[in-house]
């Protein structure tokens, strides 16, 4: 079972949108997927029009069994554990818990019926994000086209490196650094992509061309739909389809990208 965390310490970079579309995209291709919202803002539930009474806060505190928090079939093949602002207090409530950074991983040990788990995280390197990362085997790092988002990405990568040192037995790979809100006509986008190209670690995992700026994503969220439901022929639908292609088969897509680069494409 694949376990993918979507993280960036900077907010407003399309993290939740990416988590939803990776999860829904994989489910749309026949995978059984569990999407977990670890952000107390609860934006995944808002975006999918799901507001269950039992949430991730109840799971992490042990108030309910994990299965009781799962909302089935929010989309075909896609289940959800939602979040609420109650999760804001978890850092304090779990401060005395044993191995508190791995509570999520332990609470999900009996959840084995999925092909993939995708976790949306809060925009901070806090206890909830640590739990998301220490559950995951792979990380997607969305990065907006501004300096602060790139700084957030670098800080996130540094935080991941520290976790690897503290938990060397856990495998945690950077699946992709995903540029979002890309508008190639603007200086901001060109400067941001240049800055990422100059960072060796980011450059090696950079998914190009990324997700282009597209107002249809805003409209889709307002309608509580994915981009494929709202505007299946839009630029954003095309971009997220290509990205899910990559997530589904990263080795094959990387090899294809190398061949294109060598051919001068």
C-alpha atoms as a PDB file:
ATOM      1  CA  UNK A   1       0.000   0.000   0.000  1.00  0.00           C
ATOM      2  CA  UNK A   2       1.355   3.405  -0.982  1.00  0.00           C
ATOM      3  CA  UNK A   3       1.282   6.188   1.602  1.00  0.00           C
ATOM      4  CA  UNK A   4       1.673   9.727   0.278  1.00  0.00           C
ATOM      5  CA  UNK A   5       1.832  12.944   2.309  1.00  0.00           C
ATOM      6  CA  UNK A   6       1.230  16.330   0.685  1.00  0.00           C
ATOM      7  CA  UNK A   7       3.178  18.941   2.644  1.00  0.00           C
ATOM      8  CA  UNK A   8       4.571  22.462   2.612  1.00  0.00           C
ATOM      9  CA  UNK A   9       5.158  24.713   5.598  1.00  0.00           C
ATOM     10  CA  UNK A  10       3.823  27.600   3.498  1.00  0.00           C
ATOM     11  CA  UNK A  11       0.057  27.870   3.140  1.00  0.00           C
ATOM     12  CA  UNK A  12      -1.792  28.889   0.002  1.00  0.00           C
ATOM     13  CA  UNK A  13       0.260  26.733  -2.374  1.00  0.00           C
ATOM     14  CA  UNK A  14      -2.500  24.387  -3.564  1.00  0.00           C
ATOM     15  CA  UNK A  15      -1.720  21.672  -1.054  1.00  0.00           C
ATOM     16  CA  UNK A  16      -5.305  20.639  -0.324  1.00  0.00           C
ATOM     17  CA  UNK A  17      -6.289  20.903  -3.992  1.00  0.00           C
ATOM     18  CA  UNK A  18      -3.368  18.662  -4.893  1.00  0.00           C
ATOM     19  CA  UNK A  19      -4.154  16.106  -2.175  1.00  0.00           C
ATOM     20  CA  UNK A  20      -7.767  15.887  -3.333  1.00  0.00           C
ATOM     21  CA  UNK A  21      -6.874  15.540  -7.003  1.00  0.00           C
ATOM     22  CA  UNK A  22      -4.144  12.964  -6.441  1.00  0.00           C
ATOM     23  CA  UNK A  23      -6.521  10.899  -4.300  1.00  0.00           C
ATOM     24  CA  UNK A  24      -9.510  11.312  -6.624  1.00  0.00           C
ATOM     25  CA  UNK A  25      -7.341  10.776  -9.693  1.00  0.00           C
ATOM     26  CA  UNK A  26      -5.965   7.479  -8.413  1.00  0.00           C
ATOM     27  CA  UNK A  27      -9.454   6.382  -7.355  1.00  0.00           C
ATOM     28  CA  UNK A  28     -10.769   7.258 -10.799  1.00  0.00           C
ATOM     29  CA  UNK A  29      -8.272   4.792 -12.260  1.00  0.00           C
ATOM     30  CA  UNK A  30      -9.543   1.922 -10.172  1.00  0.00           C
ATOM     31  CA  UNK A  31      -7.476   2.209  -6.989  1.00  0.00           C
ATOM     32  CA  UNK A  32      -9.060   2.102  -3.550  1.00  0.00           C
ATOM     33  CA  UNK A  33      -7.887   5.285  -1.850  1.00  0.00           C
ATOM     34  CA  UNK A  34      -8.199   6.726   1.655  1.00  0.00           C
ATOM     35  CA  UNK A  35      -7.794  10.499   1.898  1.00  0.00           C
ATOM     36  CA  UNK A  36      -6.933  11.819   5.372  1.00  0.00           C
ATOM     37  CA  UNK A  37      -7.159  15.491   6.320  1.00  0.00           C
ATOM     38  CA  UNK A  38      -4.578  16.373   8.987  1.00  0.00           C
ATOM     39  CA  UNK A  39      -5.162  20.127   8.670  1.00  0.00           C
ATOM     40  CA  UNK A  40      -7.407  21.561  11.426  1.00  0.00           C
ATOM     41  CA  UNK A  41      -8.862  23.993   8.890  1.00  0.00           C
ATOM     42  CA  UNK A  42     -10.770  21.021   7.500  1.00  0.00           C
ATOM     43  CA  UNK A  43     -10.631  22.229   3.918  1.00  0.00           C
ATOM     44  CA  UNK A  44     -10.790  18.757   2.391  1.00  0.00           C
ATOM     45  CA  UNK A  45     -14.223  18.203   3.893  1.00  0.00           C
ATOM     46  CA  UNK A  46     -15.365  21.642   2.748  1.00  0.00           C
ATOM     47  CA  UNK A  47     -14.119  21.008  -0.788  1.00  0.00           C
ATOM     48  CA  UNK A  48     -15.880  17.640  -1.000  1.00  0.00           C
ATOM     49  CA  UNK A  49     -19.040  18.754   0.858  1.00  0.00           C
ATOM     50  CA  UNK A  50     -18.508  16.218   3.640  1.00  0.00           C
ATOM     51  CA  UNK A  51     -18.894  17.183   7.316  1.00  0.00           C
ATOM     52  CA  UNK A  52     -18.971  14.020   9.439  1.00  0.00           C
ATOM     53  CA  UNK A  53     -19.432  14.101  13.229  1.00  0.00           C
ATOM     54  CA  UNK A  54     -16.359  11.897  13.763  1.00  0.00           C
ATOM     55  CA  UNK A  55     -12.996  13.193  12.546  1.00  0.00           C
ATOM     56  CA  UNK A  56      -9.241  12.707  12.678  1.00  0.00           C
ATOM     57  CA  UNK A  57      -9.136  14.356  16.115  1.00  0.00           C
ATOM     58  CA  UNK A  58     -11.247  11.513  17.502  1.00  0.00           C
ATOM     59  CA  UNK A  59      -8.964   8.961  15.852  1.00  0.00           C
ATOM     60  CA  UNK A  60      -5.745  10.448  17.220  1.00  0.00           C
ATOM     61  CA  UNK A  61      -7.080  10.758  20.773  1.00  0.00           C
ATOM     62  CA  UNK A  62      -8.411   7.203  20.702  1.00  0.00           C
ATOM     63  CA  UNK A  63     -12.004   8.326  21.209  1.00  0.00           C
ATOM     64  CA  UNK A  64     -13.141   6.113  18.321  1.00  0.00           C
ATOM     65  CA  UNK A  65     -11.825   3.246  16.278  1.00  0.00           C
ATOM     66  CA  UNK A  66     -10.248   4.377  13.027  1.00  0.00           C
ATOM     67  CA  UNK A  67     -12.831   2.558  10.904  1.00  0.00           C
ATOM     68  CA  UNK A  68     -15.611   4.533  12.603  1.00  0.00           C
ATOM     69  CA  UNK A  69     -14.146   7.810  11.298  1.00  0.00           C
ATOM     70  CA  UNK A  70     -13.984   6.723   7.655  1.00  0.00           C
ATOM     71  CA  UNK A  71     -16.612   8.253   5.371  1.00  0.00           C
ATOM     72  CA  UNK A  72     -17.008   5.783   2.490  1.00  0.00           C
ATOM     73  CA  UNK A  73     -17.312   6.667  -1.175  1.00  0.00           C
ATOM     74  CA  UNK A  74     -17.123  10.449  -1.101  1.00  0.00           C
ATOM     75  CA  UNK A  75     -16.248   9.732  -4.715  1.00  0.00           C
ATOM     76  CA  UNK A  76     -16.211   6.281  -6.353  1.00  0.00           C
ATOM     77  CA  UNK A  77     -13.308   4.381  -4.813  1.00  0.00           C
ATOM     78  CA  UNK A  78     -12.398   7.269  -2.502  1.00  0.00           C
ATOM     79  CA  UNK A  79     -12.963   7.248   1.273  1.00  0.00           C
ATOM     80  CA  UNK A  80     -12.248  10.125   3.662  1.00  0.00           C
ATOM     81  CA  UNK A  81     -11.241  10.820   7.239  1.00  0.00           C
ATOM     82  CA  UNK A  82     -12.089  14.495   7.661  1.00  0.00           C
ATOM     83  CA  UNK A  83     -10.745  17.140  10.031  1.00  0.00           C
ATOM     84  CA  UNK A  84     -12.210  20.009  12.056  1.00  0.00           C
ATOM     85  CA  UNK A  85     -10.853  22.916  14.130  1.00  0.00           C
ATOM     86  CA  UNK A  86     -10.924  20.545  17.122  1.00  0.00           C
ATOM     87  CA  UNK A  87      -7.595  19.262  15.806  1.00  0.00           C
ATOM     88  CA  UNK A  88      -5.954  22.596  16.684  1.00  0.00           C
ATOM     89  CA  UNK A  89      -5.867  21.488  20.336  1.00  0.00           C
ATOM     90  CA  UNK A  90      -4.265  18.127  19.638  1.00  0.00           C
ATOM     91  CA  UNK A  91      -0.689  19.334  20.162  1.00  0.00           C
ATOM     92  CA  UNK A  92      -1.506  20.200  23.771  1.00  0.00           C
ATOM     93  CA  UNK A  93      -3.793  17.219  24.353  1.00  0.00           C
ATOM     94  CA  UNK A  94      -1.206  14.733  23.094  1.00  0.00           C
ATOM     95  CA  UNK A  95       1.834  16.374  24.691  1.00  0.00           C
ATOM     96  CA  UNK A  96       2.251  13.555  27.201  1.00  0.00           C
ATOM     97  CA  UNK A  97       1.493  10.705  24.824  1.00  0.00           C
ATOM     98  CA  UNK A  98       4.107   8.025  24.217  1.00  0.00           C
ATOM     99  CA  UNK A  99       5.636   8.208  20.723  1.00  0.00           C
ATOM    100  CA  UNK A 100       3.182  10.946  19.881  1.00  0.00           C
ATOM    101  CA  UNK A 101       4.778  11.610  16.475  1.00  0.00           C
ATOM    102  CA  UNK A 102       3.702   8.161  15.257  1.00  0.00           C
ATOM    103  CA  UNK A 103       0.160   8.009  16.638  1.00  0.00           C
ATOM    104  CA  UNK A 104      -1.394   8.205  13.168  1.00  0.00           C
ATOM    105  CA  UNK A 105       0.745   5.349  11.850  1.00  0.00           C
ATOM    106  CA  UNK A 106      -0.207   3.188  14.817  1.00  0.00           C
ATOM    107  CA  UNK A 107      -3.913   4.022  14.563  1.00  0.00           C
ATOM    108  CA  UNK A 108      -3.885   2.975  10.905  1.00  0.00           C
ATOM    109  CA  UNK A 109      -2.142  -0.374  11.381  1.00  0.00           C
ATOM    110  CA  UNK A 110      -5.366  -2.308  10.920  1.00  0.00           C
ATOM    111  CA  UNK A 111      -6.454  -0.331   7.865  1.00  0.00           C
ATOM    112  CA  UNK A 112      -5.198  -2.541   5.058  1.00  0.00           C
ATOM    113  CA  UNK A 113      -7.920  -2.556   2.413  1.00  0.00           C
ATOM    114  CA  UNK A 114      -6.586   0.360   0.352  1.00  0.00           C
ATOM    115  CA  UNK A 115      -4.168   0.645  -2.528  1.00  0.00           C
ATOM    116  CA  UNK A 116      -3.105   4.121  -1.402  1.00  0.00           C
ATOM    117  CA  UNK A 117      -3.450   6.543   1.494  1.00  0.00           C
ATOM    118  CA  UNK A 118      -3.086  10.252   0.706  1.00  0.00           C
ATOM    119  CA  UNK A 119      -2.653  12.693   3.600  1.00  0.00           C
ATOM    120  CA  UNK A 120      -3.213  16.441   3.455  1.00  0.00           C
ATOM    121  CA  UNK A 121      -1.232  18.289   6.126  1.00  0.00           C
ATOM    122  CA  UNK A 122      -1.318  21.601   7.938  1.00  0.00           C
ATOM    123  CA  UNK A 123       0.937  24.450   6.715  1.00  0.00           C
ATOM    124  CA  UNK A 124       3.401  24.069   9.581  1.00  0.00           C
ATOM    125  CA  UNK A 125       6.020  21.594  10.760  1.00  0.00           C
ATOM    126  CA  UNK A 126       4.024  20.635  13.848  1.00  0.00           C
ATOM    127  CA  UNK A 127       2.866  17.437  15.545  1.00  0.00           C
ATOM    128  CA  UNK A 128       0.140  16.808  12.974  1.00  0.00           C
ATOM    129  CA  UNK A 129       2.585  17.188  10.087  1.00  0.00           C
ATOM    130  CA  UNK A 130       5.124  14.938  11.819  1.00  0.00           C
ATOM    131  CA  UNK A 131       2.409  12.291  12.080  1.00  0.00           C
ATOM    132  CA  UNK A 132       1.591  12.656   8.384  1.00  0.00           C
ATOM    133  CA  UNK A 133       5.250  12.346   7.395  1.00  0.00           C
ATOM    134  CA  UNK A 134       5.984   9.406   9.682  1.00  0.00           C
ATOM    135  CA  UNK A 135       3.028   7.547   8.217  1.00  0.00           C
ATOM    136  CA  UNK A 136       4.076   8.260   4.639  1.00  0.00           C
ATOM    137  CA  UNK A 137       6.625   6.623   2.372  1.00  0.00           C
ATOM    138  CA  UNK A 138       6.407   9.376  -0.259  1.00  0.00           C
ATOM    139  CA  UNK A 139       6.031  13.155  -0.164  1.00  0.00           C
ATOM    140  CA  UNK A 140       4.510  15.573  -2.660  1.00  0.00           C
ATOM    141  CA  UNK A 141       5.643  19.154  -2.118  1.00  0.00           C
ATOM    142  CA  UNK A 142       3.463  21.755  -3.894  1.00  0.00           C
ATOM    143  CA  UNK A 143       5.213  25.094  -4.370  1.00  0.00           C
ATOM    144  CA  UNK A 144       3.521  28.331  -5.417  1.00  0.00           C
ATOM    145  CA  UNK A 145       5.200  30.857  -7.663  1.00  0.00           C
ATOM    146  CA  UNK A 146       6.539  33.201  -5.000  1.00  0.00           C
ATOM    147  CA  UNK A 147       9.632  33.523  -2.843  1.00  0.00           C
ATOM    148  CA  UNK A 148       7.920  32.628   0.438  1.00  0.00           C
ATOM    149  CA  UNK A 149       6.581  29.373  -1.013  1.00  0.00           C
ATOM    150  CA  UNK A 150      10.084  28.404  -2.127  1.00  0.00           C
ATOM    151  CA  UNK A 151      11.460  29.250   1.315  1.00  0.00           C
ATOM    152  CA  UNK A 152       8.675  27.119   2.795  1.00  0.00           C
ATOM    153  CA  UNK A 153       9.619  24.265   0.486  1.00  0.00           C
ATOM    154  CA  UNK A 154      13.274  24.454   1.501  1.00  0.00           C
ATOM    155  CA  UNK A 155      12.317  24.572   5.205  1.00  0.00           C
ATOM    156  CA  UNK A 156      10.047  21.580   4.678  1.00  0.00           C
ATOM    157  CA  UNK A 157      12.844  19.613   3.011  1.00  0.00           C
ATOM    158  CA  UNK A 158      15.138  20.489   5.917  1.00  0.00           C
ATOM    159  CA  UNK A 159      12.482  19.275   8.349  1.00  0.00           C
ATOM    160  CA  UNK A 160      12.128  16.017   6.432  1.00  0.00           C
ATOM    161  CA  UNK A 161      15.906  15.543   6.569  1.00  0.00           C
ATOM    162  CA  UNK A 162      15.776  15.935  10.355  1.00  0.00           C
ATOM    163  CA  UNK A 163      12.995  13.351  10.607  1.00  0.00           C
ATOM    164  CA  UNK A 164      15.078  10.925   8.561  1.00  0.00           C
ATOM    165  CA  UNK A 165      17.925  11.344  11.047  1.00  0.00           C
ATOM    166  CA  UNK A 166      15.637  10.800  14.039  1.00  0.00           C
ATOM    167  CA  UNK A 167      13.787   7.843  12.468  1.00  0.00           C
ATOM    168  CA  UNK A 168      16.381   6.268  10.131  1.00  0.00           C
ATOM    169  CA  UNK A 169      14.368   3.053   9.899  1.00  0.00           C
ATOM    170  CA  UNK A 170      11.547   4.844   8.072  1.00  0.00           C
ATOM    171  CA  UNK A 171      11.633   5.246   4.300  1.00  0.00           C
ATOM    172  CA  UNK A 172      10.533   8.714   3.194  1.00  0.00           C
ATOM    173  CA  UNK A 173      11.169   9.768  -0.401  1.00  0.00           C
ATOM    174  CA  UNK A 174      10.367  13.016  -2.182  1.00  0.00           C
ATOM    175  CA  UNK A 175       7.999  11.871  -4.924  1.00  0.00           C
ATOM    176  CA  UNK A 176       7.669  15.301  -6.527  1.00  0.00           C
ATOM    177  CA  UNK A 177       8.132  19.006  -6.057  1.00  0.00           C
ATOM    178  CA  UNK A 178       5.051  20.344  -7.844  1.00  0.00           C
ATOM    179  CA  UNK A 179       4.954  23.949  -9.125  1.00  0.00           C
ATOM    180  CA  UNK A 180       1.450  25.387  -8.734  1.00  0.00           C
ATOM    181  CA  UNK A 181      -0.245  28.568  -9.971  1.00  0.00           C
ATOM    182  CA  UNK A 182       2.173  28.542 -12.897  1.00  0.00           C
ATOM    183  CA  UNK A 183       1.819  31.433 -15.351  1.00  0.00           C
ATOM    184  CA  UNK A 184       4.766  31.387 -17.721  1.00  0.00           C
ATOM    185  CA  UNK A 185       4.010  34.919 -18.922  1.00  0.00           C
ATOM    186  CA  UNK A 186       4.845  36.474 -15.546  1.00  0.00           C
ATOM    187  CA  UNK A 187       8.201  37.415 -14.112  1.00  0.00           C
ATOM    188  CA  UNK A 188       7.191  35.878 -10.761  1.00  0.00           C
ATOM    189  CA  UNK A 189       6.757  32.425 -12.290  1.00  0.00           C
ATOM    190  CA  UNK A 190       9.985  32.602 -14.261  1.00  0.00           C
ATOM    191  CA  UNK A 191      11.910  33.792 -11.203  1.00  0.00           C
ATOM    192  CA  UNK A 192      10.389  31.080  -9.003  1.00  0.00           C
ATOM    193  CA  UNK A 193      11.184  28.301 -11.470  1.00  0.00           C
ATOM    194  CA  UNK A 194      14.723  29.627 -11.889  1.00  0.00           C
ATOM    195  CA  UNK A 195      15.179  29.611  -8.113  1.00  0.00           C
ATOM    196  CA  UNK A 196      13.960  26.015  -7.902  1.00  0.00           C
ATOM    197  CA  UNK A 197      16.275  24.997 -10.736  1.00  0.00           C
ATOM    198  CA  UNK A 198      19.209  26.397  -8.747  1.00  0.00           C
ATOM    199  CA  UNK A 199      18.372  24.194  -5.746  1.00  0.00           C
ATOM    200  CA  UNK A 200      19.851  20.790  -6.531  1.00  0.00           C
ATOM    201  CA  UNK A 201      17.503  18.773  -4.323  1.00  0.00           C
ATOM    202  CA  UNK A 202      14.405  20.542  -5.623  1.00  0.00           C
ATOM    203  CA  UNK A 203      15.551  20.391  -9.245  1.00  0.00           C
ATOM    204  CA  UNK A 204      15.996  16.630  -9.071  1.00  0.00           C
ATOM    205  CA  UNK A 205      12.342  16.128  -8.115  1.00  0.00           C
ATOM    206  CA  UNK A 206      10.752  19.046  -9.974  1.00  0.00           C
ATOM    207  CA  UNK A 207       7.656  18.061 -11.950  1.00  0.00           C
ATOM    208  CA  UNK A 208       7.440  20.273 -15.025  1.00  0.00           C
ATOM    209  CA  UNK A 209       5.477  22.110 -16.245  1.00  0.00           C
ATOM    210  CA  UNK A 210       3.449  21.822 -13.030  1.00  0.00           C
ATOM    211  CA  UNK A 211      -0.119  23.030 -12.507  1.00  0.00           C
ATOM    212  CA  UNK A 212      -0.947  26.105 -14.531  1.00  0.00           C
ATOM    213  CA  UNK A 213      -2.936  28.956 -13.048  1.00  0.00           C
ATOM    214  CA  UNK A 214      -6.587  28.305 -13.873  1.00  0.00           C
ATOM    215  CA  UNK A 215      -9.701  30.055 -12.564  1.00  0.00           C
ATOM    216  CA  UNK A 216     -11.674  26.857 -13.139  1.00  0.00           C
ATOM    217  CA  UNK A 217     -10.000  25.384 -10.051  1.00  0.00           C
ATOM    218  CA  UNK A 218     -11.564  28.141  -7.951  1.00  0.00           C
ATOM    219  CA  UNK A 219     -14.966  27.555  -9.522  1.00  0.00           C
ATOM    220  CA  UNK A 220     -14.659  23.799  -9.026  1.00  0.00           C
ATOM    221  CA  UNK A 221     -13.900  24.260  -5.321  1.00  0.00           C
ATOM    222  CA  UNK A 222     -16.854  26.628  -4.955  1.00  0.00           C
ATOM    223  CA  UNK A 223     -19.082  23.954  -6.517  1.00  0.00           C
ATOM    224  CA  UNK A 224     -17.575  21.259  -4.237  1.00  0.00           C
ATOM    225  CA  UNK A 225     -16.293  19.415  -7.292  1.00  0.00           C
ATOM    226  CA  UNK A 226     -12.992  18.177  -8.619  1.00  0.00           C
ATOM    227  CA  UNK A 227     -11.643  19.856 -11.721  1.00  0.00           C
ATOM    228  CA  UNK A 228     -12.525  16.755 -13.755  1.00  0.00           C
ATOM    229  CA  UNK A 229     -16.145  17.029 -12.637  1.00  0.00           C
ATOM    230  CA  UNK A 230     -16.424  20.766 -13.209  1.00  0.00           C
ATOM    231  CA  UNK A 231     -14.232  21.459 -16.255  1.00  0.00           C
ATOM    232  CA  UNK A 232     -12.771  18.229 -17.657  1.00  0.00           C
ATOM    233  CA  UNK A 233     -11.251  20.007 -20.676  1.00  0.00           C
ATOM    234  CA  UNK A 234      -9.596  22.808 -18.736  1.00  0.00           C
ATOM    235  CA  UNK A 235      -5.863  23.423 -18.415  1.00  0.00           C
ATOM    236  CA  UNK A 236      -5.984  22.402 -14.768  1.00  0.00           C
ATOM    237  CA  UNK A 237      -7.724  19.123 -15.620  1.00  0.00           C
ATOM    238  CA  UNK A 238      -5.026  18.396 -18.189  1.00  0.00           C
ATOM    239  CA  UNK A 239      -2.246  19.286 -15.759  1.00  0.00           C
ATOM    240  CA  UNK A 240      -3.596  17.223 -12.863  1.00  0.00           C
ATOM    241  CA  UNK A 241      -4.189  14.294 -15.217  1.00  0.00           C
ATOM    242  CA  UNK A 242      -0.532  14.437 -16.242  1.00  0.00           C
ATOM    243  CA  UNK A 243       0.541  14.668 -12.624  1.00  0.00           C
ATOM    244  CA  UNK A 244      -1.573  11.673 -11.611  1.00  0.00           C
ATOM    245  CA  UNK A 245       0.022   9.800 -14.536  1.00  0.00           C
ATOM    246  CA  UNK A 246       3.347  10.513 -12.873  1.00  0.00           C
ATOM    247  CA  UNK A 247       2.172   9.597  -9.364  1.00  0.00           C
ATOM    248  CA  UNK A 248       0.727   6.340 -10.653  1.00  0.00           C
ATOM    249  CA  UNK A 249       3.972   5.353 -12.388  1.00  0.00           C
ATOM    250  CA  UNK A 250       6.831   7.635 -11.286  1.00  0.00           C
ATOM    251  CA  UNK A 251       9.609   5.394 -12.574  1.00  0.00           C
ATOM    252  CA  UNK A 252       8.072   5.161 -16.028  1.00  0.00           C
ATOM    253  CA  UNK A 253       7.277   8.862 -16.219  1.00  0.00           C
ATOM    254  CA  UNK A 254      10.790   9.837 -15.126  1.00  0.00           C
ATOM    255  CA  UNK A 255      12.290   7.569 -17.768  1.00  0.00           C
ATOM    256  CA  UNK A 256       9.962   9.072 -20.389  1.00  0.00           C
ATOM    257  CA  UNK A 257      10.995  12.562 -19.314  1.00  0.00           C
ATOM    258  CA  UNK A 258      14.669  11.645 -19.657  1.00  0.00           C
ATOM    259  CA  UNK A 259      14.093  10.334 -23.164  1.00  0.00           C
ATOM    260  CA  UNK A 260      12.298  13.543 -24.160  1.00  0.00           C
ATOM    261  CA  UNK A 261      15.076  15.674 -22.689  1.00  0.00           C
ATOM    262  CA  UNK A 262      17.712  13.681 -24.540  1.00  0.00           C
ATOM    263  CA  UNK A 263      15.731  14.114 -27.751  1.00  0.00           C
ATOM    264  CA  UNK A 264      15.705  17.860 -27.268  1.00  0.00           C
ATOM    265  CA  UNK A 265      11.958  18.101 -26.581  1.00  0.00           C
END
